[in-house]
Amino acid sequence: MAPSGVPPGLRSAVLEILRSAGGVLRRRKILEALEQRGHRLSLAGLNRLLDETRRDGATEETPDGVRLLRPPP
């Protein structure tokens, strides 16, 4: 289930962007990649989504940005 204010399906899009990057991405780069795919999301919405993915162990925060820890289910 998507966090409040986050359209369904964006979680998988964000995880795919991180998987494709093969490394660490800053939030602004994730937002740019989402927009290129036709999705618009606020920074606050992305933060809520990334909080959820961090809590369930899919991503982690590093000083350089966000990285995928395990492949999307």
PDB file of N, CA and C in Angstrom:
ATOM      1  N   MET A   1       0.835  -1.180   0.000  1.00  0.00           N
ATOM      2  CA  MET A   1       0.000   0.000   0.000  1.00  0.00           C
ATOM      3  C   MET A   1       0.879   1.243   0.000  1.00  0.00           C
ATOM      4  N   ALA A   2       0.503   2.226  -0.809  1.00  0.00           N
ATOM      5  CA  ALA A   2       1.288   3.448  -0.928  1.00  0.00           C
ATOM      6  C   ALA A   2       1.072   4.339   0.299  1.00  0.00           C
ATOM      7  N   PRO A   3       2.129   5.053   0.713  1.00  0.00           N
ATOM      8  CA  PRO A   3       1.964   6.007   1.812  1.00  0.00           C
ATOM      9  C   PRO A   3       0.961   7.085   1.433  1.00  0.00           C
ATOM     10  N   SER A   4       0.424   7.761   2.413  1.00  0.00           N
ATOM     11  CA  SER A   4      -0.549   8.830   2.198  1.00  0.00           C
ATOM     12  C   SER A   4      -0.005   9.873   1.232  1.00  0.00           C
ATOM     13  N   GLY A   5      -0.810  10.215   0.233  1.00  0.00           N
ATOM     14  CA  GLY A   5      -0.420  11.239  -0.729  1.00  0.00           C
ATOM     15  C   GLY A   5       0.471  10.757  -1.853  1.00  0.00           C
ATOM     16  N   VAL A   6       0.750   9.472  -1.901  1.00  0.00           N
ATOM     17  CA  VAL A   6       1.608   8.908  -2.945  1.00  0.00           C
ATOM     18  C   VAL A   6       0.752   8.013  -3.838  1.00  0.00           C
ATOM     19  N   PRO A   7       0.666   8.335  -5.134  1.00  0.00           N
ATOM     20  CA  PRO A   7      -0.154   7.512  -6.022  1.00  0.00           C
ATOM     21  C   PRO A   7       0.325   6.059  -6.067  1.00  0.00           C
ATOM     22  N   PRO A   8      -0.624   5.114  -6.162  1.00  0.00           N
ATOM     23  CA  PRO A   8      -0.246   3.695  -6.273  1.00  0.00           C
ATOM     24  C   PRO A   8       0.661   3.478  -7.477  1.00  0.00           C
ATOM     25  N   GLY A   9       1.582   2.567  -7.344  1.00  0.00           N
ATOM     26  CA  GLY A   9       2.485   2.240  -8.440  1.00  0.00           C
ATOM     27  C   GLY A   9       3.806   2.987  -8.415  1.00  0.00           C
ATOM     28  N   LEU A  10       3.872   4.075  -7.659  1.00  0.00           N
ATOM     29  CA  LEU A  10       5.122   4.835  -7.640  1.00  0.00           C
ATOM     30  C   LEU A  10       6.211   4.138  -6.837  1.00  0.00           C
ATOM     31  N   ARG A  11       5.823   3.332  -5.874  1.00  0.00           N
ATOM     32  CA  ARG A  11       6.835   2.578  -5.114  1.00  0.00           C
ATOM     33  C   ARG A  11       7.637   1.701  -6.064  1.00  0.00           C
ATOM     34  N   SER A  12       6.949   0.949  -6.911  1.00  0.00           N
ATOM     35  CA  SER A  12       7.662   0.072  -7.839  1.00  0.00           C
ATOM     36  C   SER A  12       8.480   0.885  -8.835  1.00  0.00           C
ATOM     37  N   ALA A  13       7.981   2.044  -9.251  1.00  0.00           N
ATOM     38  CA  ALA A  13       8.733   2.897 -10.180  1.00  0.00           C
ATOM     39  C   ALA A  13      10.020   3.397  -9.525  1.00  0.00           C
ATOM     40  N   VAL A  14       9.927   3.821  -8.266  1.00  0.00           N
ATOM     41  CA  VAL A  14      11.120   4.311  -7.549  1.00  0.00           C
ATOM     42  C   VAL A  14      12.129   3.182  -7.362  1.00  0.00           C
ATOM     43  N   LEU A  15      11.650   2.010  -6.963  1.00  0.00           N
ATOM     44  CA  LEU A  15      12.574   0.883  -6.791  1.00  0.00           C
ATOM     45  C   LEU A  15      13.223   0.486  -8.112  1.00  0.00           C
ATOM     46  N   GLU A  16      12.501   0.559  -9.209  1.00  0.00           N
ATOM     47  CA  GLU A  16      13.072   0.260 -10.527  1.00  0.00           C
ATOM     48  C   GLU A  16      14.130   1.299 -10.904  1.00  0.00           C
ATOM     49  N   ILE A  17      13.869   2.559 -10.612  1.00  0.00           N
ATOM     50  CA  ILE A  17      14.852   3.620 -10.884  1.00  0.00           C
ATOM     51  C   ILE A  17      16.132   3.355 -10.102  1.00  0.00           C
ATOM     52  N   LEU A  18      15.992   3.004  -8.833  1.00  0.00           N
ATOM     53  CA  LEU A  18      17.172   2.712  -8.018  1.00  0.00           C
ATOM     54  C   LEU A  18      17.909   1.473  -8.529  1.00  0.00           C
ATOM     55  N   ARG A  19      17.154   0.444  -8.944  1.00  0.00           N
ATOM     56  CA  ARG A  19      17.782  -0.761  -9.479  1.00  0.00           C
ATOM     57  C   ARG A  19      18.555  -0.435 -10.747  1.00  0.00           C
ATOM     58  N   SER A  20      17.951   0.339 -11.619  1.00  0.00           N
ATOM     59  CA  SER A  20      18.587   0.702 -12.888  1.00  0.00           C
ATOM     60  C   SER A  20      19.845   1.546 -12.683  1.00  0.00           C
ATOM     61  N   ALA A  21      19.832   2.367 -11.638  1.00  0.00           N
ATOM     62  CA  ALA A  21      20.984   3.229 -11.366  1.00  0.00           C
ATOM     63  C   ALA A  21      22.191   2.408 -10.943  1.00  0.00           C
ATOM     64  N   GLY A  22      21.954   1.283 -10.292  1.00  0.00           N
ATOM     65  CA  GLY A  22      23.056   0.429  -9.873  1.00  0.00           C
ATOM     66  C   GLY A  22      23.927   1.034  -8.793  1.00  0.00           C
ATOM     67  N   GLY A  23      23.428   2.035  -8.117  1.00  0.00           N
ATOM     68  CA  GLY A  23      24.211   2.679  -7.066  1.00  0.00           C
ATOM     69  C   GLY A  23      23.344   3.627  -6.271  1.00  0.00           C
ATOM     70  N   VAL A  24      23.963   4.682  -5.803  1.00  0.00           N
ATOM     71  CA  VAL A  24      23.288   5.653  -4.941  1.00  0.00           C
ATOM     72  C   VAL A  24      22.734   6.792  -5.792  1.00  0.00           C
ATOM     73  N   LEU A  25      21.512   7.235  -5.455  1.00  0.00           N
ATOM     74  CA  LEU A  25      20.900   8.375  -6.137  1.00  0.00           C
ATOM     75  C   LEU A  25      20.404   9.385  -5.116  1.00  0.00           C
ATOM     76  N   ARG A  26      20.585  10.641  -5.431  1.00  0.00           N
ATOM     77  CA  ARG A  26      20.011  11.711  -4.622  1.00  0.00           C
ATOM     78  C   ARG A  26      18.518  11.804  -4.915  1.00  0.00           C
ATOM     79  N   ARG A  27      17.776  12.327  -3.958  1.00  0.00           N
ATOM     80  CA  ARG A  27      16.329  12.445  -4.109  1.00  0.00           C
ATOM     81  C   ARG A  27      15.936  13.249  -5.354  1.00  0.00           C
ATOM     82  N   ARG A  28      16.624  14.334  -5.613  1.00  0.00           N
ATOM     83  CA  ARG A  28      16.285  15.164  -6.790  1.00  0.00           C
ATOM     84  C   ARG A  28      16.443  14.370  -8.086  1.00  0.00           C
ATOM     85  N   LYS A  29      17.439  13.509  -8.157  1.00  0.00           N
ATOM     86  CA  LYS A  29      17.627  12.668  -9.345  1.00  0.00           C
ATOM     87  C   LYS A  29      16.493  11.656  -9.477  1.00  0.00           C
ATOM     88  N   ILE A  30      16.032  11.129  -8.343  1.00  0.00           N
ATOM     89  CA  ILE A  30      14.898  10.198  -8.382  1.00  0.00           C
ATOM     90  C   ILE A  30      13.664  10.926  -8.893  1.00  0.00           C
ATOM     91  N   LEU A  31      13.429  12.148  -8.391  1.00  0.00           N
ATOM     92  CA  LEU A  31      12.280  12.931  -8.851  1.00  0.00           C
ATOM     93  C   LEU A  31      12.375  13.228 -10.343  1.00  0.00           C
ATOM     94  N   GLU A  32      13.566  13.564 -10.829  1.00  0.00           N
ATOM     95  CA  GLU A  32      13.761  13.819 -12.262  1.00  0.00           C
ATOM     96  C   GLU A  32      13.460  12.565 -13.078  1.00  0.00           C
ATOM     97  N   ALA A  33      13.944  11.417 -12.613  1.00  0.00           N
ATOM     98  CA  ALA A  33      13.707  10.164 -13.337  1.00  0.00           C
ATOM     99  C   ALA A  33      12.213   9.823 -13.350  1.00  0.00           C
ATOM    100  N   LEU A  34      11.520  10.066 -12.239  1.00  0.00           N
ATOM    101  CA  LEU A  34      10.074   9.835 -12.205  1.00  0.00           C
ATOM    102  C   LEU A  34       9.371  10.725 -13.217  1.00  0.00           C
ATOM    103  N   GLU A  35       9.758  11.986 -13.268  1.00  0.00           N
ATOM    104  CA  GLU A  35       9.126  12.923 -14.200  1.00  0.00           C
ATOM    105  C   GLU A  35       9.370  12.498 -15.655  1.00  0.00           C
ATOM    106  N   GLN A  36      10.562  12.010 -15.944  1.00  0.00           N
ATOM    107  CA  GLN A  36      10.854  11.528 -17.298  1.00  0.00           C
ATOM    108  C   GLN A  36       9.968  10.346 -17.668  1.00  0.00           C
ATOM    109  N   ARG A  37       9.516   9.598 -16.663  1.00  0.00           N
ATOM    110  CA  ARG A  37       8.629   8.451 -16.899  1.00  0.00           C
ATOM    111  C   ARG A  37       7.156   8.844 -16.847  1.00  0.00           C
ATOM    112  N   GLY A  38       6.905  10.145 -16.711  1.00  0.00           N
ATOM    113  CA  GLY A  38       5.525  10.616 -16.710  1.00  0.00           C
ATOM    114  C   GLY A  38       4.851  10.645 -15.357  1.00  0.00           C
ATOM    115  N   HIS A  39       5.633  10.537 -14.284  1.00  0.00           N
ATOM    116  CA  HIS A  39       5.081  10.572 -12.927  1.00  0.00           C
ATOM    117  C   HIS A  39       5.533  11.847 -12.243  1.00  0.00           C
ATOM    118  N   ARG A  40       4.622  12.493 -11.587  1.00  0.00           N
ATOM    119  CA  ARG A  40       4.966  13.702 -10.832  1.00  0.00           C
ATOM    120  C   ARG A  40       4.727  13.419  -9.351  1.00  0.00           C
ATOM    121  N   LEU A  41       5.708  13.737  -8.538  1.00  0.00           N
ATOM    122  CA  LEU A  41       5.628  13.488  -7.101  1.00  0.00           C
ATOM    123  C   LEU A  41       6.367  14.616  -6.396  1.00  0.00           C
ATOM    124  N   SER A  42       5.825  15.076  -5.291  1.00  0.00           N
ATOM    125  CA  SER A  42       6.493  16.115  -4.509  1.00  0.00           C
ATOM    126  C   SER A  42       7.663  15.505  -3.736  1.00  0.00           C
ATOM    127  N   LEU A  43       8.555  16.356  -3.287  1.00  0.00           N
ATOM    128  CA  LEU A  43       9.671  15.885  -2.463  1.00  0.00           C
ATOM    129  C   LEU A  43       9.134  15.280  -1.167  1.00  0.00           C
ATOM    130  N   ALA A  44       8.100  15.885  -0.599  1.00  0.00           N
ATOM    131  CA  ALA A  44       7.498  15.340   0.627  1.00  0.00           C
ATOM    132  C   ALA A  44       6.928  13.941   0.380  1.00  0.00           C
ATOM    133  N   GLY A  45       6.275  13.748  -0.764  1.00  0.00           N
ATOM    134  CA  GLY A  45       5.732  12.431  -1.106  1.00  0.00           C
ATOM    135  C   GLY A  45       6.843  11.406  -1.285  1.00  0.00           C
ATOM    136  N   LEU A  46       7.912  11.818  -1.948  1.00  0.00           N
ATOM    137  CA  LEU A  46       9.047  10.909  -2.134  1.00  0.00           C
ATOM    138  C   LEU A  46       9.657  10.553  -0.786  1.00  0.00           C
ATOM    139  N   ASN A  47       9.763  11.534   0.105  1.00  0.00           N
ATOM    140  CA  ASN A  47      10.313  11.254   1.440  1.00  0.00           C
ATOM    141  C   ASN A  47       9.461  10.226   2.177  1.00  0.00           C
ATOM    142  N   ARG A  48       8.128  10.353   2.103  1.00  0.00           N
ATOM    143  CA  ARG A  48       7.245   9.377   2.756  1.00  0.00           C
ATOM    144  C   ARG A  48       7.441   7.988   2.142  1.00  0.00           C
ATOM    145  N   LEU A  49       7.534   7.935   0.822  1.00  0.00           N
ATOM    146  CA  LEU A  49       7.720   6.656   0.136  1.00  0.00           C
ATOM    147  C   LEU A  49       9.062   6.029   0.532  1.00  0.00           C
ATOM    148  N   LEU A  50      10.115   6.838   0.562  1.00  0.00           N
ATOM    149  CA  LEU A  50      11.436   6.313   0.915  1.00  0.00           C
ATOM    150  C   LEU A  50      11.517   5.915   2.386  1.00  0.00           C
ATOM    151  N   ASP A  51      10.779   6.608   3.257  1.00  0.00           N
ATOM    152  CA  ASP A  51      10.714   6.185   4.660  1.00  0.00           C
ATOM    153  C   ASP A  51      10.141   4.779   4.749  1.00  0.00           C
ATOM    154  N   GLU A  52       9.092   4.525   3.976  1.00  0.00           N
ATOM    155  CA  GLU A  52       8.468   3.200   3.977  1.00  0.00           C
ATOM    156  C   GLU A  52       9.421   2.134   3.444  1.00  0.00           C
ATOM    157  N   THR A  53      10.100   2.427   2.322  1.00  0.00           N
ATOM    158  CA  THR A  53      11.007   1.428   1.749  1.00  0.00           C
ATOM    159  C   THR A  53      12.202   1.181   2.670  1.00  0.00           C
ATOM    160  N   ARG A  54      12.615   2.201   3.404  1.00  0.00           N
ATOM    161  CA  ARG A  54      13.715   2.025   4.372  1.00  0.00           C
ATOM    162  C   ARG A  54      13.253   1.150   5.535  1.00  0.00           C
ATOM    163  N   ARG A  55      12.039   1.403   6.029  1.00  0.00           N
ATOM    164  CA  ARG A  55      11.517   0.609   7.149  1.00  0.00           C
ATOM    165  C   ARG A  55      11.357  -0.864   6.782  1.00  0.00           C
ATOM    166  N   ASP A  56      10.989  -1.149   5.530  1.00  0.00           N
ATOM    167  CA  ASP A  56      10.807  -2.564   5.166  1.00  0.00           C
ATOM    168  C   ASP A  56      12.084  -3.204   4.619  1.00  0.00           C
ATOM    169  N   GLY A  57      13.205  -2.463   4.671  1.00  0.00           N
ATOM    170  CA  GLY A  57      14.498  -3.036   4.330  1.00  0.00           C
ATOM    171  C   GLY A  57      14.844  -3.065   2.851  1.00  0.00           C
ATOM    172  N   ALA A  58      14.068  -2.364   2.016  1.00  0.00           N
ATOM    173  CA  ALA A  58      14.352  -2.362   0.578  1.00  0.00           C
ATOM    174  C   ALA A  58      15.423  -1.347   0.200  1.00  0.00           C
ATOM    175  N   THR A  59      15.527  -0.246   0.956  1.00  0.00           N
ATOM    176  CA  THR A  59      16.501   0.803   0.655  1.00  0.00           C
ATOM    177  C   THR A  59      17.206   1.233   1.927  1.00  0.00           C
ATOM    178  N   GLU A  60      18.279   1.994   1.733  1.00  0.00           N
ATOM    179  CA  GLU A  60      18.954   2.614   2.862  1.00  0.00           C
ATOM    180  C   GLU A  60      19.414   4.006   2.474  1.00  0.00           C
ATOM    181  N   GLU A  61      19.527   4.851   3.482  1.00  0.00           N
ATOM    182  CA  GLU A  61      20.038   6.202   3.305  1.00  0.00           C
ATOM    183  C   GLU A  61      21.540   6.183   3.537  1.00  0.00           C
ATOM    184  N   THR A  62      22.262   6.857   2.677  1.00  0.00           N
ATOM    185  CA  THR A  62      23.692   7.022   2.869  1.00  0.00           C
ATOM    186  C   THR A  62      23.981   8.517   2.788  1.00  0.00           C
ATOM    187  N   PRO A  63      25.180   8.954   3.149  1.00  0.00           N
ATOM    188  CA  PRO A  63      25.497  10.374   3.013  1.00  0.00           C
ATOM    189  C   PRO A  63      25.387  10.859   1.560  1.00  0.00           C
ATOM    190  N   ASP A  64      25.518   9.938   0.607  1.00  0.00           N
ATOM    191  CA  ASP A  64      25.472  10.316  -0.809  1.00  0.00           C
ATOM    192  C   ASP A  64      24.084  10.203  -1.427  1.00  0.00           C
ATOM    193  N   GLY A  65      23.110   9.627  -0.703  1.00  0.00           N
ATOM    194  CA  GLY A  65      21.773   9.493  -1.240  1.00  0.00           C
ATOM    195  C   GLY A  65      21.123   8.183  -0.812  1.00  0.00           C
ATOM    196  N   VAL A  66      20.271   7.668  -1.693  1.00  0.00           N
ATOM    197  CA  VAL A  66      19.485   6.465  -1.412  1.00  0.00           C
ATOM    198  C   VAL A  66      19.991   5.324  -2.281  1.00  0.00           C
ATOM    199  N   ARG A  67      20.059   4.138  -1.702  1.00  0.00           N
ATOM    200  CA  ARG A  67      20.451   2.983  -2.514  1.00  0.00           C
ATOM    201  C   ARG A  67      19.547   1.806  -2.214  1.00  0.00           C
ATOM    202  N   LEU A  68      19.411   0.960  -3.194  1.00  0.00           N
ATOM    203  CA  LEU A  68      18.607  -0.248  -3.089  1.00  0.00           C
ATOM    204  C   LEU A  68      19.399  -1.313  -2.342  1.00  0.00           C
ATOM    205  N   LEU A  69      18.765  -1.950  -1.365  1.00  0.00           N
ATOM    206  CA  LEU A  69      19.422  -3.022  -0.627  1.00  0.00           C
ATOM    207  C   LEU A  69      19.080  -4.402  -1.174  1.00  0.00           C
ATOM    208  N   ARG A  70      17.841  -4.527  -1.659  1.00  0.00           N
ATOM    209  CA  ARG A  70      17.415  -5.821  -2.204  1.00  0.00           C
ATOM    210  C   ARG A  70      16.498  -5.554  -3.377  1.00  0.00           C
ATOM    211  N   PRO A  71      16.400  -6.488  -4.289  1.00  0.00           N
ATOM    212  CA  PRO A  71      15.558  -6.279  -5.452  1.00  0.00           C
ATOM    213  C   PRO A  71      14.092  -6.150  -5.061  1.00  0.00           C
ATOM    214  N   PRO A  72      13.309  -5.406  -5.854  1.00  0.00           N
ATOM    215  CA  PRO A  72      11.882  -5.289  -5.573  1.00  0.00           C
ATOM    216  C   PRO A  72      11.200  -6.637  -5.622  1.00  0.00           C
ATOM    217  N   PRO A  73      10.169  -6.835  -4.757  1.00  0.00           N
ATOM    218  CA  PRO A  73       9.451  -8.121  -4.752  1.00  0.00           C
ATOM    219  C   PRO A  73       8.639  -8.313  -6.019  1.00  0.00           C
TER     220      PRO A  73
END
